[in-house]
N, C-alpha and C. Protein backbone atom coordinates (compact mmCIF):
# COMPACT_ATOMS: atom_id res chain seq x y z
N MET A 1 -13.16 -14.90 -14.79
CA MET A 1 -12.58 -14.79 -13.50
C MET A 1 -13.30 -15.73 -12.56
N THR A 2 -12.54 -16.53 -11.85
CA THR A 2 -13.10 -17.39 -10.82
C THR A 2 -12.23 -17.26 -9.58
N THR A 3 -12.82 -17.58 -8.43
CA THR A 3 -12.06 -17.57 -7.20
C THR A 3 -12.37 -18.83 -6.42
N HIS A 4 -11.45 -19.21 -5.58
CA HIS A 4 -11.61 -20.36 -4.72
C HIS A 4 -11.19 -19.93 -3.33
N GLU A 5 -11.89 -20.38 -2.34
CA GLU A 5 -11.55 -20.03 -0.97
C GLU A 5 -11.39 -21.30 -0.16
N SER A 6 -10.32 -21.39 0.60
CA SER A 6 -10.15 -22.52 1.50
C SER A 6 -10.50 -22.09 2.91
N ARG A 7 -10.89 -23.05 3.72
CA ARG A 7 -11.25 -22.74 5.10
C ARG A 7 -9.99 -22.64 5.95
N PRO A 8 -9.89 -21.58 6.73
CA PRO A 8 -8.71 -21.43 7.59
C PRO A 8 -8.84 -22.25 8.86
N SER A 9 -7.71 -22.67 9.41
CA SER A 9 -7.73 -23.22 10.76
C SER A 9 -7.78 -22.03 11.70
N SER A 10 -7.84 -22.30 12.99
CA SER A 10 -7.96 -21.20 13.94
C SER A 10 -6.71 -20.33 13.98
N THR A 11 -5.57 -20.83 13.50
CA THR A 11 -4.33 -20.07 13.56
C THR A 11 -3.85 -19.59 12.19
N GLN A 12 -4.55 -19.92 11.15
CA GLN A 12 -4.10 -19.55 9.81
C GLN A 12 -5.07 -18.59 9.16
N LEU A 13 -4.50 -17.76 8.28
CA LEU A 13 -5.32 -16.83 7.52
C LEU A 13 -6.06 -17.56 6.40
N PRO A 14 -7.23 -17.07 6.02
CA PRO A 14 -7.93 -17.67 4.89
C PRO A 14 -7.16 -17.41 3.59
N VAL A 15 -7.35 -18.32 2.64
CA VAL A 15 -6.69 -18.21 1.34
C VAL A 15 -7.74 -18.04 0.27
N ILE A 16 -7.52 -17.07 -0.62
CA ILE A 16 -8.36 -16.97 -1.82
C ILE A 16 -7.43 -17.18 -3.01
N ALA A 17 -7.95 -17.82 -4.02
CA ALA A 17 -7.14 -18.18 -5.18
C ALA A 17 -7.84 -17.74 -6.47
N PRO A 18 -7.78 -16.46 -6.79
CA PRO A 18 -8.43 -15.99 -8.01
C PRO A 18 -7.74 -16.56 -9.25
N ARG A 19 -8.51 -16.82 -10.28
CA ARG A 19 -8.00 -17.39 -11.52
C ARG A 19 -8.48 -16.56 -12.69
N GLY A 20 -7.59 -16.31 -13.63
CA GLY A 20 -7.99 -15.62 -14.85
C GLY A 20 -7.53 -14.18 -14.90
N GLU A 21 -8.32 -13.37 -15.61
CA GLU A 21 -7.99 -11.97 -15.86
C GLU A 21 -8.74 -11.06 -14.90
N PHE A 22 -8.04 -10.00 -14.44
CA PHE A 22 -8.64 -9.05 -13.51
C PHE A 22 -8.39 -7.63 -14.00
N ASP A 23 -9.49 -6.99 -14.40
CA ASP A 23 -9.44 -5.60 -14.84
C ASP A 23 -10.72 -4.92 -14.37
N ILE A 24 -10.93 -3.71 -14.79
CA ILE A 24 -12.06 -2.92 -14.31
C ILE A 24 -13.41 -3.61 -14.57
N ASP A 25 -13.49 -4.41 -15.62
CA ASP A 25 -14.76 -5.04 -15.99
C ASP A 25 -15.12 -6.24 -15.12
N ASN A 26 -14.14 -6.88 -14.47
CA ASN A 26 -14.48 -8.10 -13.73
C ASN A 26 -13.83 -8.18 -12.35
N LEU A 27 -13.46 -7.06 -11.79
CA LEU A 27 -12.80 -7.03 -10.49
C LEU A 27 -13.77 -7.08 -9.31
N ALA A 28 -15.01 -6.69 -9.52
CA ALA A 28 -15.98 -6.56 -8.42
C ALA A 28 -16.16 -7.83 -7.59
N PRO A 29 -16.29 -9.01 -8.17
CA PRO A 29 -16.46 -10.20 -7.32
C PRO A 29 -15.25 -10.47 -6.41
N LEU A 30 -14.05 -10.25 -6.93
CA LEU A 30 -12.85 -10.43 -6.10
C LEU A 30 -12.82 -9.39 -4.98
N GLU A 31 -13.15 -8.17 -5.32
CA GLU A 31 -13.18 -7.11 -4.31
C GLU A 31 -14.20 -7.43 -3.21
N ALA A 32 -15.35 -7.93 -3.59
CA ALA A 32 -16.38 -8.29 -2.60
C ALA A 32 -15.90 -9.44 -1.72
N GLN A 33 -15.24 -10.41 -2.31
CA GLN A 33 -14.73 -11.54 -1.53
C GLN A 33 -13.68 -11.07 -0.52
N ILE A 34 -12.79 -10.19 -0.96
CA ILE A 34 -11.78 -9.65 -0.06
C ILE A 34 -12.44 -8.87 1.08
N GLU A 35 -13.42 -8.04 0.76
CA GLU A 35 -14.13 -7.26 1.79
C GLU A 35 -14.76 -8.19 2.83
N THR A 36 -15.38 -9.26 2.38
CA THR A 36 -16.01 -10.21 3.30
C THR A 36 -14.98 -10.84 4.22
N LEU A 37 -13.85 -11.23 3.67
CA LEU A 37 -12.82 -11.89 4.47
C LEU A 37 -12.17 -10.95 5.47
N ILE A 38 -11.87 -9.73 5.06
CA ILE A 38 -11.20 -8.84 6.01
C ILE A 38 -12.15 -8.34 7.10
N ALA A 39 -13.44 -8.45 6.85
CA ALA A 39 -14.40 -8.11 7.90
C ALA A 39 -14.42 -9.18 9.00
N ALA A 40 -14.04 -10.40 8.65
CA ALA A 40 -14.12 -11.51 9.58
C ALA A 40 -12.77 -12.03 10.07
N HIS A 41 -11.68 -11.63 9.43
CA HIS A 41 -10.36 -12.16 9.76
C HIS A 41 -9.34 -11.04 9.88
N SER A 42 -8.22 -11.36 10.47
CA SER A 42 -7.17 -10.35 10.66
C SER A 42 -6.32 -10.14 9.42
N GLY A 43 -6.60 -10.89 8.38
CA GLY A 43 -5.85 -10.77 7.13
C GLY A 43 -6.26 -11.87 6.17
N LEU A 44 -5.50 -11.99 5.08
CA LEU A 44 -5.78 -13.04 4.10
C LEU A 44 -4.55 -13.30 3.26
N VAL A 45 -4.56 -14.49 2.66
CA VAL A 45 -3.52 -14.87 1.72
C VAL A 45 -4.15 -14.88 0.33
N LEU A 46 -3.51 -14.19 -0.59
CA LEU A 46 -3.97 -14.18 -1.98
C LEU A 46 -3.04 -15.09 -2.77
N ASP A 47 -3.54 -16.25 -3.15
CA ASP A 47 -2.78 -17.17 -4.00
C ASP A 47 -2.88 -16.61 -5.42
N ALA A 48 -1.81 -15.97 -5.88
CA ALA A 48 -1.83 -15.26 -7.16
C ALA A 48 -1.29 -16.10 -8.31
N SER A 49 -1.16 -17.40 -8.11
CA SER A 49 -0.58 -18.26 -9.14
C SER A 49 -1.45 -18.40 -10.39
N GLY A 50 -2.74 -18.19 -10.27
CA GLY A 50 -3.64 -18.37 -11.41
C GLY A 50 -4.05 -17.10 -12.11
N ILE A 51 -3.42 -15.99 -11.78
CA ILE A 51 -3.78 -14.72 -12.41
C ILE A 51 -3.04 -14.60 -13.74
N THR A 52 -3.80 -14.49 -14.82
CA THR A 52 -3.20 -14.44 -16.16
C THR A 52 -3.09 -13.02 -16.72
N PHE A 53 -3.86 -12.10 -16.16
CA PHE A 53 -3.78 -10.68 -16.55
C PHE A 53 -4.28 -9.85 -15.39
N ALA A 54 -3.61 -8.73 -15.15
CA ALA A 54 -4.06 -7.80 -14.11
C ALA A 54 -3.69 -6.39 -14.54
N ASP A 55 -4.60 -5.45 -14.31
CA ASP A 55 -4.32 -4.06 -14.71
C ASP A 55 -4.20 -3.17 -13.47
N SER A 56 -4.22 -1.88 -13.70
CA SER A 56 -4.03 -0.92 -12.61
C SER A 56 -5.16 -0.98 -11.58
N MET A 57 -6.35 -1.38 -11.96
CA MET A 57 -7.45 -1.49 -11.01
C MET A 57 -7.19 -2.66 -10.04
N PHE A 58 -6.63 -3.74 -10.55
CA PHE A 58 -6.23 -4.85 -9.68
C PHE A 58 -5.14 -4.37 -8.72
N LEU A 59 -4.18 -3.65 -9.25
CA LEU A 59 -3.10 -3.12 -8.42
C LEU A 59 -3.65 -2.21 -7.33
N ARG A 60 -4.60 -1.36 -7.68
CA ARG A 60 -5.23 -0.48 -6.69
C ARG A 60 -5.88 -1.30 -5.58
N LEU A 61 -6.58 -2.37 -5.94
CA LEU A 61 -7.22 -3.23 -4.95
C LEU A 61 -6.18 -3.88 -4.04
N ILE A 62 -5.08 -4.34 -4.60
CA ILE A 62 -4.05 -4.99 -3.80
C ILE A 62 -3.41 -4.00 -2.82
N VAL A 63 -3.07 -2.83 -3.29
CA VAL A 63 -2.45 -1.83 -2.41
C VAL A 63 -3.43 -1.39 -1.33
N ALA A 64 -4.67 -1.15 -1.68
CA ALA A 64 -5.67 -0.75 -0.69
C ALA A 64 -5.89 -1.84 0.35
N THR A 65 -5.91 -3.09 -0.09
CA THR A 65 -6.07 -4.21 0.85
C THR A 65 -4.86 -4.29 1.77
N HIS A 66 -3.68 -4.13 1.22
CA HIS A 66 -2.44 -4.14 2.01
C HIS A 66 -2.49 -3.05 3.10
N GLN A 67 -3.04 -1.90 2.77
CA GLN A 67 -3.09 -0.80 3.73
C GLN A 67 -4.11 -1.04 4.84
N ARG A 68 -5.08 -1.91 4.59
CA ARG A 68 -6.17 -2.15 5.55
C ARG A 68 -5.98 -3.38 6.42
N THR A 69 -5.19 -4.36 5.95
CA THR A 69 -5.12 -5.63 6.66
C THR A 69 -3.80 -6.33 6.37
N ASP A 70 -3.61 -7.48 6.97
CA ASP A 70 -2.42 -8.29 6.75
C ASP A 70 -2.61 -9.08 5.45
N LEU A 71 -2.19 -8.51 4.35
CA LEU A 71 -2.29 -9.16 3.04
C LEU A 71 -0.98 -9.85 2.74
N ARG A 72 -1.06 -11.12 2.41
CA ARG A 72 0.10 -11.88 2.01
C ARG A 72 -0.16 -12.45 0.62
N ILE A 73 0.73 -12.16 -0.31
CA ILE A 73 0.58 -12.65 -1.68
C ILE A 73 1.44 -13.88 -1.83
N ALA A 74 0.85 -14.97 -2.32
CA ALA A 74 1.56 -16.23 -2.44
C ALA A 74 1.67 -16.65 -3.90
N ALA A 75 2.82 -17.20 -4.24
CA ALA A 75 3.07 -17.81 -5.54
C ALA A 75 2.60 -16.96 -6.71
N PRO A 76 3.03 -15.70 -6.78
CA PRO A 76 2.53 -14.86 -7.86
C PRO A 76 2.92 -15.38 -9.25
N SER A 77 1.98 -15.30 -10.16
CA SER A 77 2.23 -15.69 -11.55
C SER A 77 3.24 -14.72 -12.15
N PRO A 78 3.85 -15.09 -13.28
CA PRO A 78 4.76 -14.15 -13.94
C PRO A 78 4.10 -12.81 -14.25
N THR A 79 2.85 -12.84 -14.63
CA THR A 79 2.11 -11.60 -14.93
C THR A 79 2.02 -10.72 -13.69
N THR A 80 1.65 -11.33 -12.56
CA THR A 80 1.52 -10.58 -11.32
C THR A 80 2.88 -10.07 -10.84
N THR A 81 3.89 -10.92 -10.93
CA THR A 81 5.24 -10.53 -10.53
C THR A 81 5.71 -9.33 -11.34
N ARG A 82 5.47 -9.36 -12.63
CA ARG A 82 5.88 -8.25 -13.51
C ARG A 82 5.15 -6.97 -13.13
N LEU A 83 3.85 -7.03 -12.93
CA LEU A 83 3.07 -5.84 -12.57
C LEU A 83 3.56 -5.24 -11.26
N LEU A 84 3.73 -6.07 -10.25
CA LEU A 84 4.17 -5.57 -8.95
C LEU A 84 5.58 -4.99 -9.01
N GLY A 85 6.43 -5.61 -9.82
CA GLY A 85 7.80 -5.13 -9.96
C GLY A 85 7.92 -3.82 -10.71
N VAL A 86 7.14 -3.66 -11.77
CA VAL A 86 7.20 -2.44 -12.58
C VAL A 86 6.87 -1.20 -11.76
N VAL A 87 5.91 -1.33 -10.86
CA VAL A 87 5.50 -0.16 -10.08
C VAL A 87 6.18 -0.09 -8.71
N GLY A 88 7.02 -1.06 -8.40
CA GLY A 88 7.74 -1.06 -7.14
C GLY A 88 6.95 -1.59 -5.96
N ALA A 89 5.78 -2.13 -6.20
CA ALA A 89 4.96 -2.66 -5.11
C ALA A 89 5.60 -3.89 -4.47
N ASP A 90 6.48 -4.55 -5.20
CA ASP A 90 7.17 -5.71 -4.64
C ASP A 90 8.12 -5.33 -3.52
N THR A 91 8.38 -4.05 -3.34
CA THR A 91 9.27 -3.61 -2.27
C THR A 91 8.57 -3.45 -0.93
N PHE A 92 7.23 -3.36 -0.93
CA PHE A 92 6.53 -3.20 0.34
C PHE A 92 5.44 -4.24 0.59
N LEU A 93 5.02 -4.97 -0.42
CA LEU A 93 4.03 -6.04 -0.21
C LEU A 93 4.71 -7.27 0.36
N ARG A 94 3.95 -8.07 1.08
CA ARG A 94 4.46 -9.33 1.63
C ARG A 94 4.23 -10.42 0.59
N ILE A 95 5.28 -10.78 -0.13
CA ILE A 95 5.20 -11.75 -1.21
C ILE A 95 5.95 -13.01 -0.79
N HIS A 96 5.29 -14.16 -0.96
CA HIS A 96 5.85 -15.44 -0.54
C HIS A 96 5.87 -16.41 -1.73
N PRO A 97 6.83 -17.34 -1.74
CA PRO A 97 6.92 -18.26 -2.88
C PRO A 97 5.80 -19.30 -2.95
N THR A 98 5.20 -19.63 -1.80
CA THR A 98 4.14 -20.64 -1.77
C THR A 98 3.02 -20.20 -0.83
N VAL A 99 1.89 -20.85 -0.96
CA VAL A 99 0.77 -20.59 -0.05
C VAL A 99 1.14 -20.98 1.37
N GLU A 100 1.79 -22.12 1.51
CA GLU A 100 2.18 -22.56 2.85
C GLU A 100 3.11 -21.57 3.53
N ALA A 101 4.07 -21.04 2.78
CA ALA A 101 4.98 -20.03 3.34
C ALA A 101 4.21 -18.78 3.76
N ALA A 102 3.23 -18.39 2.97
CA ALA A 102 2.42 -17.21 3.29
C ALA A 102 1.55 -17.42 4.52
N ARG A 103 1.12 -18.63 4.74
CA ARG A 103 0.23 -18.91 5.86
C ARG A 103 0.99 -19.05 7.18
N THR A 104 2.29 -19.18 7.10
CA THR A 104 3.11 -19.32 8.31
C THR A 104 3.26 -17.95 8.98
N PRO A 105 2.93 -17.88 10.25
CA PRO A 105 3.02 -16.58 10.95
C PRO A 105 4.41 -16.00 10.97
């Protein structure tokens, strides 16, 4: 699991771009990064294009983040799209086709 963070402009939300697999064994660094960002910003964009596997713990983190801040999911991978769709989370999460679309107010 790796993550990348881009610097936000004064009007845009920060973007994190996690890559790889996210389950109970390796979710902690992503969770810590999200916590740091929401402490300093009004929300964040999660570029989900590089997520190759995600389990229920990842889903828990996404839903909890959505409940706490302005979470925007951008360019979800097929794996992420399938997970969010199976549980119906795609009906209430803010999902965008691209990072740029997600960053637009």
